[in-house]
Amino acid sequence: MGDGLNLPLVINTWAFTNGTAKAWNAISREGRSALNAVEEGCSQCEIQQCDHTVGYGGSPDENGETTLDAMIMDGLV
């Protein structure tokens, strides 16, 4: 399929610039895995509270508490 180029790519839904940059650096400059890039990009948004809905101080659950959870799956296993 295609010309066989293997280029790194980072896509997200929202304009979380610093999270995107962190993921891009991990996958393109540091040669880390896509799984590492996802983790690092999400972690950056958790630290910076991107959009004020991610990380501490984010949207509370039905009990009025902010709960932090995440899941990453690698479908190549």
C-alpha atoms as a PDB file:
ATOM      1  CA  MET A   1       0.000   0.000   0.000  1.00  0.00           C
ATOM      2  CA  GLY A   2       1.463   3.410  -0.903  1.00  0.00           C
ATOM      3  CA  ASP A   3       5.146   4.016  -1.405  1.00  0.00           C
ATOM      4  CA  GLY A   4       6.257   2.415   1.861  1.00  0.00           C
ATOM      5  CA  LEU A   5       7.182   5.628   3.679  1.00  0.00           C
ATOM      6  CA  ASN A   6       7.165   5.340   7.446  1.00  0.00           C
ATOM      7  CA  LEU A   7       6.597   8.846   8.760  1.00  0.00           C
ATOM      8  CA  PRO A   8       5.660   9.649  12.352  1.00  0.00           C
ATOM      9  CA  LEU A   9       2.296  11.336  12.800  1.00  0.00           C
ATOM     10  CA  VAL A  10       0.560  12.819  15.832  1.00  0.00           C
ATOM     11  CA  ILE A  11      -3.168  13.564  15.604  1.00  0.00           C
ATOM     12  CA  ASN A  12      -5.502  14.766  18.320  1.00  0.00           C
ATOM     13  CA  THR A  13      -9.037  16.055  18.532  1.00  0.00           C
ATOM     14  CA  TRP A  14      -8.415  19.317  20.372  1.00  0.00           C
ATOM     15  CA  ALA A  15      -5.740  22.011  20.072  1.00  0.00           C
ATOM     16  CA  PHE A  16      -3.643  20.908  23.043  1.00  0.00           C
ATOM     17  CA  THR A  17      -0.420  22.266  21.579  1.00  0.00           C
ATOM     18  CA  ASN A  18       1.975  21.316  24.370  1.00  0.00           C
ATOM     19  CA  GLY A  19       0.632  17.776  24.633  1.00  0.00           C
ATOM     20  CA  THR A  20       0.942  17.381  20.873  1.00  0.00           C
ATOM     21  CA  ALA A  21       4.497  18.755  20.936  1.00  0.00           C
ATOM     22  CA  LYS A  22       5.469  16.383  23.749  1.00  0.00           C
ATOM     23  CA  ALA A  23       4.116  13.397  21.794  1.00  0.00           C
ATOM     24  CA  TRP A  24       5.792  14.593  18.585  1.00  0.00           C
ATOM     25  CA  ASN A  25       9.163  14.964  20.304  1.00  0.00           C
ATOM     26  CA  ALA A  26       8.887  11.476  21.755  1.00  0.00           C
ATOM     27  CA  ILE A  27       8.081   9.780  18.462  1.00  0.00           C
ATOM     28  CA  SER A  28      10.091  11.830  15.962  1.00  0.00           C
ATOM     29  CA  ARG A  29      13.164  13.148  17.735  1.00  0.00           C
ATOM     30  CA  GLU A  30      13.685  10.625  20.498  1.00  0.00           C
ATOM     31  CA  GLY A  31      12.729   7.586  18.394  1.00  0.00           C
ATOM     32  CA  ARG A  32      10.380   6.278  21.063  1.00  0.00           C
ATOM     33  CA  SER A  33       7.361   4.087  20.368  1.00  0.00           C
ATOM     34  CA  ALA A  34       3.890   5.330  19.454  1.00  0.00           C
ATOM     35  CA  LEU A  35       2.712   3.990  22.807  1.00  0.00           C
ATOM     36  CA  ASN A  36       5.277   6.176  24.603  1.00  0.00           C
ATOM     37  CA  ALA A  37       4.201   9.188  22.537  1.00  0.00           C
ATOM     38  CA  VAL A  38       0.546   8.735  23.516  1.00  0.00           C
ATOM     39  CA  GLU A  39       1.450   8.396  27.178  1.00  0.00           C
ATOM     40  CA  GLU A  40       3.715  11.450  27.179  1.00  0.00           C
ATOM     41  CA  GLY A  41       1.241  13.642  25.289  1.00  0.00           C
ATOM     42  CA  CYS A  42      -1.616  12.721  27.628  1.00  0.00           C
ATOM     43  CA  SER A  43       0.578  13.145  30.702  1.00  0.00           C
ATOM     44  CA  GLN A  44       1.528  16.648  29.564  1.00  0.00           C
ATOM     45  CA  CYS A  45      -2.144  17.630  29.366  1.00  0.00           C
ATOM     46  CA  GLU A  46      -2.793  16.114  32.762  1.00  0.00           C
ATOM     47  CA  ILE A  47       0.035  18.228  34.229  1.00  0.00           C
ATOM     48  CA  GLN A  48      -1.085  21.431  32.481  1.00  0.00           C
ATOM     49  CA  GLN A  49      -4.808  20.832  32.960  1.00  0.00           C
ATOM     50  CA  CYS A  50      -5.487  21.300  29.239  1.00  0.00           C
ATOM     51  CA  ASP A  51      -8.924  22.776  28.632  1.00  0.00           C
ATOM     52  CA  HIS A  52      -9.533  22.725  32.419  1.00  0.00           C
ATOM     53  CA  THR A  53     -11.201  19.334  31.993  1.00  0.00           C
ATOM     54  CA  VAL A  54      -8.080  17.157  32.103  1.00  0.00           C
ATOM     55  CA  GLY A  55      -6.070  16.599  35.288  1.00  0.00           C
ATOM     56  CA  TYR A  56      -6.515  18.011  38.776  1.00  0.00           C
ATOM     57  CA  GLY A  57      -9.266  20.597  38.934  1.00  0.00           C
ATOM     58  CA  GLY A  58     -11.003  18.989  35.968  1.00  0.00           C
ATOM     59  CA  SER A  59     -14.645  18.093  35.601  1.00  0.00           C
ATOM     60  CA  PRO A  60     -15.930  16.306  38.709  1.00  0.00           C
ATOM     61  CA  ASP A  61     -17.725  12.971  38.641  1.00  0.00           C
ATOM     62  CA  GLU A  62     -21.231  12.340  39.998  1.00  0.00           C
ATOM     63  CA  ASN A  63     -19.845  12.464  43.566  1.00  0.00           C
ATOM     64  CA  GLY A  64     -18.310  15.898  43.027  1.00  0.00           C
ATOM     65  CA  GLU A  65     -14.768  14.487  42.995  1.00  0.00           C
ATOM     66  CA  THR A  66     -12.154  14.744  40.274  1.00  0.00           C
ATOM     67  CA  THR A  67     -11.097  11.233  39.360  1.00  0.00           C
ATOM     68  CA  LEU A  68      -8.087  10.618  37.162  1.00  0.00           C
ATOM     69  CA  ASP A  69      -8.008   7.505  35.036  1.00  0.00           C
ATOM     70  CA  ALA A  70      -6.643   6.595  31.659  1.00  0.00           C
ATOM     71  CA  MET A  71      -6.178   3.581  29.447  1.00  0.00           C
ATOM     72  CA  ILE A  72      -3.894   2.983  26.489  1.00  0.00           C
ATOM     73  CA  MET A  73      -4.223  -0.147  24.367  1.00  0.00           C
ATOM     74  CA  ASP A  74      -1.692  -1.491  21.898  1.00  0.00           C
ATOM     75  CA  GLY A  75      -3.522  -3.565  19.311  1.00  0.00           C
ATOM     76  CA  LEU A  76      -0.375  -5.210  17.980  1.00  0.00           C
ATOM     77  CA  VAL A  77      -0.034  -7.738  20.790  1.00  0.00           C
END
